[in-house]
Amino acid sequence: MTDPTEQRRQRRAQAHAAARTGILDAARRVAGSGGAGELSLRSVAAEAGFAPAALYGYFTNKNELLLSLAADELTLLARAMREAVAHAGAKGSLAVAGSAALHFLRESESLAAAPGALSATPGSSDAERLFNGRLIAVLKVLSDAAGNPANSRDRQCDAVVAAAAVAGLALLARSGRLAALGFTEGEILKRLDERFTS
C-alpha cells in the first residue's frame, strides 16, 4: 500500500509538471506570433491563463523560460535530424541532417533568441545546464551523420564547426542574404557534407 503522503507528493509533482508544460506551450504560441525577442512573462501568463506572479513558481525569469523553451526545441531539432537521416540512408547524411536543421531553424523563434538569454557564466542555472545538454545531443547527431563519432577532441571540434556552419547558414537563409549572395542551401550543404564526412 502506498503512503498517502507520498501519493500527495506525486500528484503535486505531476500537477507541477503539467502546468510547466502548459506554460511552455503558451510561451511557444506567444513566441510564434510575436517573436521570442518580445516574449514576456506577462504575455505568457495571459496566454496560459495564469496570474503573472504565478509563473515565478515555475521559472525565475524570462531568460529561464526562454532557455527552457529553447531546450525543448533542441530536443525536437535532434529528433528531426535523426529521422531525416534514417529516411535518407547513408549517402549525404550530414547534408540531410543539415537540411532538416535548416528547415527547423527557419521556424524556431526561441532558438533564434536563446543566445541572448544565456548568462556570462555558462551553466550557471538549471535551465542553462539543460540547454547545454540538449545542445550536445544536437552536436552528436551532426557528428554521427558525418560518420565521425565525437570520441576525440578533434571530432568534437568538427561537430561544433559543422553546427556553426548550419546555424550561420540558417541565419543567412532566414534573412534572405543567402539568395542575395547567389547561393542555394543545397549547394552549401553539399559542400559541408564533402568537408566533414569521413
C-alpha atoms as a PDB file:
ATOM      1  CA  MET A   1       0.000   0.000   0.000  1.00  0.00           C
ATOM      2  CA  THR A   2       1.323   3.428  -0.947  1.00  0.00           C
ATOM      3  CA  ASP A   3       1.767   6.042   1.740  1.00  0.00           C
ATOM      4  CA  PRO A   4      -0.880   8.827   1.406  1.00  0.00           C
ATOM      5  CA  THR A   5       1.808  11.463   1.895  1.00  0.00           C
ATOM      6  CA  GLU A   6       3.803  10.001  -0.984  1.00  0.00           C
ATOM      7  CA  GLN A   7       0.682   9.894  -3.165  1.00  0.00           C
ATOM      8  CA  ARG A   8       0.032  13.603  -2.490  1.00  0.00           C
ATOM      9  CA  ARG A   9       3.647  14.427  -3.282  1.00  0.00           C
ATOM     10  CA  GLN A  10       3.428  12.513  -6.573  1.00  0.00           C
ATOM     11  CA  ARG A  11       0.154  14.244  -7.511  1.00  0.00           C
ATOM     12  CA  ARG A  12       1.678  17.667  -6.752  1.00  0.00           C
ATOM     13  CA  ALA A  13       4.754  16.819  -8.835  1.00  0.00           C
ATOM     14  CA  GLN A  14       2.563  15.675 -11.742  1.00  0.00           C
ATOM     15  CA  ALA A  15       0.407  18.797 -11.496  1.00  0.00           C
ATOM     16  CA  HIS A  16       3.526  20.994 -11.402  1.00  0.00           C
ATOM     17  CA  ALA A  17       4.993  19.234 -14.466  1.00  0.00           C
ATOM     18  CA  ALA A  18       1.681  19.540 -16.353  1.00  0.00           C
ATOM     19  CA  ALA A  19       1.400  23.254 -15.516  1.00  0.00           C
ATOM     20  CA  ARG A  20       5.024  23.811 -16.574  1.00  0.00           C
ATOM     21  CA  THR A  21       4.334  22.069 -19.893  1.00  0.00           C
ATOM     22  CA  GLY A  22       1.246  24.247 -20.350  1.00  0.00           C
ATOM     23  CA  ILE A  23       3.296  27.371 -19.700  1.00  0.00           C
ATOM     24  CA  LEU A  24       5.932  26.293 -22.230  1.00  0.00           C
ATOM     25  CA  ASP A  25       3.193  25.587 -24.795  1.00  0.00           C
ATOM     26  CA  ALA A  26       1.785  29.073 -24.171  1.00  0.00           C
ATOM     27  CA  ALA A  27       5.272  30.574 -24.498  1.00  0.00           C
ATOM     28  CA  ARG A  28       5.698  28.749 -27.817  1.00  0.00           C
ATOM     29  CA  ARG A  29       2.441  30.251 -29.093  1.00  0.00           C
ATOM     30  CA  VAL A  30       3.398  33.755 -27.932  1.00  0.00           C
ATOM     31  CA  ALA A  31       6.864  33.443 -29.494  1.00  0.00           C
ATOM     32  CA  GLY A  32       5.341  32.134 -32.710  1.00  0.00           C
ATOM     33  CA  SER A  33       3.008  35.081 -33.077  1.00  0.00           C
ATOM     34  CA  GLY A  34       5.103  37.967 -31.774  1.00  0.00           C
ATOM     35  CA  GLY A  35       8.680  36.700 -31.854  1.00  0.00           C
ATOM     36  CA  ALA A  36      10.687  35.252 -28.974  1.00  0.00           C
ATOM     37  CA  GLY A  37      12.585  38.502 -28.532  1.00  0.00           C
ATOM     38  CA  GLU A  38       9.341  40.147 -27.467  1.00  0.00           C
ATOM     39  CA  LEU A  39       8.356  37.319 -25.118  1.00  0.00           C
ATOM     40  CA  SER A  40       7.397  38.490 -21.628  1.00  0.00           C
ATOM     41  CA  LEU A  41       6.267  36.635 -18.534  1.00  0.00           C
ATOM     42  CA  ARG A  42       3.105  38.760 -18.535  1.00  0.00           C
ATOM     43  CA  SER A  43       2.171  37.783 -22.118  1.00  0.00           C
ATOM     44  CA  VAL A  44       2.906  34.107 -21.464  1.00  0.00           C
ATOM     45  CA  ALA A  45       0.911  34.159 -18.234  1.00  0.00           C
ATOM     46  CA  ALA A  46      -2.065  35.684 -20.041  1.00  0.00           C
ATOM     47  CA  GLU A  47      -1.835  33.071 -22.812  1.00  0.00           C
ATOM     48  CA  ALA A  48      -1.547  30.229 -20.273  1.00  0.00           C
ATOM     49  CA  GLY A  49      -4.357  31.542 -18.070  1.00  0.00           C
ATOM     50  CA  PHE A  50      -2.131  32.251 -15.067  1.00  0.00           C
ATOM     51  CA  ALA A  51      -1.585  35.325 -12.945  1.00  0.00           C
ATOM     52  CA  PRO A  52       1.804  36.791 -13.921  1.00  0.00           C
ATOM     53  CA  ALA A  53       3.244  36.220 -10.442  1.00  0.00           C
ATOM     54  CA  ALA A  54       2.302  32.522 -10.626  1.00  0.00           C
ATOM     55  CA  LEU A  55       4.897  31.920 -13.336  1.00  0.00           C
ATOM     56  CA  TYR A  56       7.675  32.597 -10.839  1.00  0.00           C
ATOM     57  CA  GLY A  57       6.796  29.267  -9.240  1.00  0.00           C
ATOM     58  CA  TYR A  58       7.971  27.606 -12.454  1.00  0.00           C
ATOM     59  CA  PHE A  59      10.594  29.966 -13.920  1.00  0.00           C
ATOM     60  CA  THR A  60      12.723  32.540 -12.102  1.00  0.00           C
ATOM     61  CA  ASN A  61      12.733  34.994 -15.023  1.00  0.00           C
ATOM     62  CA  LYS A  62      12.142  35.458 -18.736  1.00  0.00           C
ATOM     63  CA  ASN A  63      15.599  34.121 -19.642  1.00  0.00           C
ATOM     64  CA  GLU A  64      14.983  30.864 -17.791  1.00  0.00           C
ATOM     65  CA  LEU A  65      11.631  30.491 -19.550  1.00  0.00           C
ATOM     66  CA  LEU A  66      13.218  31.184 -22.926  1.00  0.00           C
ATOM     67  CA  LEU A  67      16.080  28.734 -22.322  1.00  0.00           C
ATOM     68  CA  SER A  68      13.649  26.039 -21.211  1.00  0.00           C
ATOM     69  CA  LEU A  69      11.626  26.622 -24.358  1.00  0.00           C
ATOM     70  CA  ALA A  70      14.795  26.520 -26.485  1.00  0.00           C
ATOM     71  CA  ALA A  71      15.916  23.297 -24.757  1.00  0.00           C
ATOM     72  CA  ASP A  72      12.609  21.686 -25.740  1.00  0.00           C
ATOM     73  CA  GLU A  73      13.164  22.906 -29.296  1.00  0.00           C
ATOM     74  CA  LEU A  74      16.675  21.413 -29.337  1.00  0.00           C
ATOM     75  CA  THR A  75      15.149  18.036 -28.460  1.00  0.00           C
ATOM     76  CA  LEU A  76      12.750  18.379 -31.392  1.00  0.00           C
ATOM     77  CA  LEU A  77      15.609  19.512 -33.641  1.00  0.00           C
ATOM     78  CA  ALA A  78      17.757  16.485 -32.778  1.00  0.00           C
ATOM     79  CA  ARG A  79      14.795  14.185 -33.408  1.00  0.00           C
ATOM     80  CA  ALA A  80      14.021  15.829 -36.778  1.00  0.00           C
ATOM     81  CA  MET A  81      17.641  15.461 -37.881  1.00  0.00           C
ATOM     82  CA  ARG A  82      17.838  11.792 -36.783  1.00  0.00           C
ATOM     83  CA  GLU A  83      14.581  10.982 -38.585  1.00  0.00           C
ATOM     84  CA  ALA A  84      15.706  12.727 -41.777  1.00  0.00           C
ATOM     85  CA  VAL A  85      18.984  10.805 -41.799  1.00  0.00           C
ATOM     86  CA  ALA A  86      17.197   7.494 -41.099  1.00  0.00           C
ATOM     87  CA  HIS A  87      14.851   8.050 -44.049  1.00  0.00           C
ATOM     88  CA  ALA A  88      17.593   9.180 -46.441  1.00  0.00           C
ATOM     89  CA  GLY A  89      20.125   6.399 -45.976  1.00  0.00           C
ATOM     90  CA  ALA A  90      23.879   6.800 -45.718  1.00  0.00           C
ATOM     91  CA  LYS A  91      24.786   8.993 -48.713  1.00  0.00           C
ATOM     92  CA  GLY A  92      24.965  12.679 -47.880  1.00  0.00           C
ATOM     93  CA  SER A  93      23.820  12.146 -44.291  1.00  0.00           C
ATOM     94  CA  LEU A  94      25.368  15.354 -42.995  1.00  0.00           C
ATOM     95  CA  ALA A  95      23.704  17.382 -45.757  1.00  0.00           C
ATOM     96  CA  VAL A  96      20.382  15.670 -44.971  1.00  0.00           C
ATOM     97  CA  ALA A  97      20.757  16.412 -41.248  1.00  0.00           C
ATOM     98  CA  GLY A  98      21.761  19.991 -42.085  1.00  0.00           C
ATOM     99  CA  SER A  99      18.743  20.408 -44.361  1.00  0.00           C
ATOM    100  CA  ALA A 100      16.412  19.169 -41.616  1.00  0.00           C
ATOM    101  CA  ALA A 101      18.091  21.584 -39.188  1.00  0.00           C
ATOM    102  CA  LEU A 102      17.675  24.490 -41.618  1.00  0.00           C
ATOM    103  CA  HIS A 103      14.001  23.747 -42.081  1.00  0.00           C
ATOM    104  CA  PHE A 104      13.531  23.598 -38.304  1.00  0.00           C
ATOM    105  CA  LEU A 105      15.640  26.676 -37.535  1.00  0.00           C
ATOM    106  CA  ARG A 106      13.777  28.737 -40.117  1.00  0.00           C
ATOM    107  CA  GLU A 107      10.654  28.381 -37.966  1.00  0.00           C
ATOM    108  CA  SER A 108      12.117  28.429 -34.449  1.00  0.00           C
ATOM    109  CA  GLU A 109      11.820  31.774 -32.723  1.00  0.00           C
ATOM    110  CA  SER A 110      13.062  30.530 -29.371  1.00  0.00           C
ATOM    111  CA  LEU A 111      16.321  29.090 -30.717  1.00  0.00           C
ATOM    112  CA  ALA A 112      16.992  32.339 -32.560  1.00  0.00           C
ATOM    113  CA  ALA A 113      16.541  34.283 -29.320  1.00  0.00           C
ATOM    114  CA  ALA A 114      18.255  31.812 -26.957  1.00  0.00           C
ATOM    115  CA  PRO A 115      21.800  33.249 -27.209  1.00  0.00           C
ATOM    116  CA  GLY A 116      20.552  36.485 -25.680  1.00  0.00           C
ATOM    117  CA  ALA A 117      19.191  34.551 -22.700  1.00  0.00           C
ATOM    118  CA  LEU A 118      22.456  32.803 -21.889  1.00  0.00           C
ATOM    119  CA  SER A 119      24.399  34.257 -18.983  1.00  0.00           C
ATOM    120  CA  ALA A 120      28.031  35.302 -18.999  1.00  0.00           C
ATOM    121  CA  THR A 121      28.728  32.328 -16.707  1.00  0.00           C
ATOM    122  CA  PRO A 122      27.939  29.193 -18.757  1.00  0.00           C
ATOM    123  CA  GLY A 123      25.923  26.533 -16.990  1.00  0.00           C
ATOM    124  CA  SER A 124      25.106  28.719 -14.017  1.00  0.00           C
ATOM    125  CA  SER A 125      21.432  27.702 -13.866  1.00  0.00           C
ATOM    126  CA  ASP A 126      19.427  24.521 -14.276  1.00  0.00           C
ATOM    127  CA  ALA A 127      17.893  25.947 -17.457  1.00  0.00           C
ATOM    128  CA  GLU A 128      21.345  26.590 -18.937  1.00  0.00           C
ATOM    129  CA  ARG A 129      22.579  23.128 -17.980  1.00  0.00           C
ATOM    130  CA  LEU A 130      19.502  21.613 -19.633  1.00  0.00           C
ATOM    131  CA  PHE A 131      20.033  23.769 -22.726  1.00  0.00           C
ATOM    132  CA  ASN A 132      23.718  22.752 -22.895  1.00  0.00           C
ATOM    133  CA  GLY A 133      22.861  19.061 -22.546  1.00  0.00           C
ATOM    134  CA  ARG A 134      20.333  19.255 -25.355  1.00  0.00           C
ATOM    135  CA  LEU A 135      22.822  21.193 -27.495  1.00  0.00           C
ATOM    136  CA  ILE A 136      25.331  18.378 -27.006  1.00  0.00           C
ATOM    137  CA  ALA A 137      22.686  15.923 -28.247  1.00  0.00           C
ATOM    138  CA  VAL A 138      22.286  18.002 -31.438  1.00  0.00           C
ATOM    139  CA  LEU A 139      26.066  18.059 -31.912  1.00  0.00           C
ATOM    140  CA  LYS A 140      26.143  14.276 -31.527  1.00  0.00           C
ATOM    141  CA  VAL A 141      23.524  13.876 -34.268  1.00  0.00           C
ATOM    142  CA  LEU A 142      25.635  16.031 -36.608  1.00  0.00           C
ATOM    143  CA  SER A 143      28.783  14.118 -35.714  1.00  0.00           C
ATOM    144  CA  ASP A 144      27.102  10.755 -36.271  1.00  0.00           C
ATOM    145  CA  ALA A 145      25.593  11.968 -39.574  1.00  0.00           C
ATOM    146  CA  ALA A 146      29.099  12.858 -40.751  1.00  0.00           C
ATOM    147  CA  GLY A 147      30.290   9.375 -39.787  1.00  0.00           C
ATOM    148  CA  ASN A 148      32.649  10.903 -37.254  1.00  0.00           C
ATOM    149  CA  PRO A 149      31.656   9.788 -33.751  1.00  0.00           C
ATOM    150  CA  ALA A 150      32.638  12.559 -31.343  1.00  0.00           C
ATOM    151  CA  ASN A 151      35.066  10.370 -29.436  1.00  0.00           C
ATOM    152  CA  SER A 152      38.009  12.767 -29.545  1.00  0.00           C
ATOM    153  CA  ARG A 153      38.566  16.464 -29.037  1.00  0.00           C
ATOM    154  CA  ASP A 154      39.210  16.939 -32.786  1.00  0.00           C
ATOM    155  CA  ARG A 155      35.960  15.188 -33.722  1.00  0.00           C
ATOM    156  CA  GLN A 156      34.038  17.227 -31.150  1.00  0.00           C
ATOM    157  CA  CYS A 157      35.565  20.388 -32.625  1.00  0.00           C
ATOM    158  CA  ASP A 158      34.454  19.266 -36.109  1.00  0.00           C
ATOM    159  CA  ALA A 159      30.890  18.812 -34.812  1.00  0.00           C
ATOM    160  CA  VAL A 160      30.914  22.338 -33.371  1.00  0.00           C
ATOM    161  CA  VAL A 161      32.259  23.775 -36.639  1.00  0.00           C
ATOM    162  CA  ALA A 162      29.567  21.909 -38.629  1.00  0.00           C
ATOM    163  CA  ALA A 163      26.869  23.152 -36.231  1.00  0.00           C
ATOM    164  CA  ALA A 164      28.183  26.705 -36.503  1.00  0.00           C
ATOM    165  CA  ALA A 165      28.086  26.419 -40.294  1.00  0.00           C
ATOM    166  CA  VAL A 166      24.488  25.161 -40.226  1.00  0.00           C
ATOM    167  CA  ALA A 167      23.452  27.882 -37.745  1.00  0.00           C
ATOM    168  CA  GLY A 168      25.140  30.558 -39.859  1.00  0.00           C
ATOM    169  CA  LEU A 169      23.518  29.167 -42.986  1.00  0.00           C
ATOM    170  CA  ALA A 170      20.143  29.278 -41.227  1.00  0.00           C
ATOM    171  CA  LEU A 171      20.740  32.922 -40.339  1.00  0.00           C
ATOM    172  CA  LEU A 172      21.672  33.781 -43.927  1.00  0.00           C
ATOM    173  CA  ALA A 173      18.712  31.853 -45.340  1.00  0.00           C
ATOM    174  CA  ARG A 174      16.252  33.270 -42.795  1.00  0.00           C
ATOM    175  CA  SER A 175      17.304  36.834 -43.584  1.00  0.00           C
ATOM    176  CA  GLY A 176      17.289  36.328 -47.356  1.00  0.00           C
ATOM    177  CA  ARG A 177      21.032  37.023 -47.563  1.00  0.00           C
ATOM    178  CA  LEU A 178      21.904  33.574 -48.905  1.00  0.00           C
ATOM    179  CA  ALA A 179      19.790  34.125 -52.019  1.00  0.00           C
ATOM    180  CA  ALA A 180      21.114  37.682 -52.310  1.00  0.00           C
ATOM    181  CA  LEU A 181      24.632  36.234 -52.367  1.00  0.00           C
ATOM    182  CA  GLY A 182      23.588  33.889 -55.166  1.00  0.00           C
ATOM    183  CA  PHE A 183      23.832  30.601 -53.266  1.00  0.00           C
ATOM    184  CA  THR A 184      21.334  27.870 -52.512  1.00  0.00           C
ATOM    185  CA  GLU A 185      21.055  25.930 -49.284  1.00  0.00           C
ATOM    186  CA  GLY A 186      21.625  22.707 -51.198  1.00  0.00           C
ATOM    187  CA  GLU A 187      24.991  23.679 -52.636  1.00  0.00           C
ATOM    188  CA  ILE A 188      26.283  24.918 -49.287  1.00  0.00           C
ATOM    189  CA  LEU A 189      25.061  21.774 -47.509  1.00  0.00           C
ATOM    190  CA  LYS A 190      26.701  19.601 -50.172  1.00  0.00           C
ATOM    191  CA  ARG A 191      29.990  21.420 -49.581  1.00  0.00           C
ATOM    192  CA  LEU A 192      29.594  20.970 -45.826  1.00  0.00           C
ATOM    193  CA  ASP A 193      28.985  17.263 -46.331  1.00  0.00           C
ATOM    194  CA  GLU A 194      32.095  16.966 -48.518  1.00  0.00           C
ATOM    195  CA  ARG A 195      34.269  18.751 -45.982  1.00  0.00           C
ATOM    196  CA  PHE A 196      33.200  16.904 -42.837  1.00  0.00           C
ATOM    197  CA  THR A 197      32.086  13.438 -43.876  1.00  0.00           C
ATOM    198  CA  SER A 198      34.690  10.743 -43.405  1.00  0.00           C
END
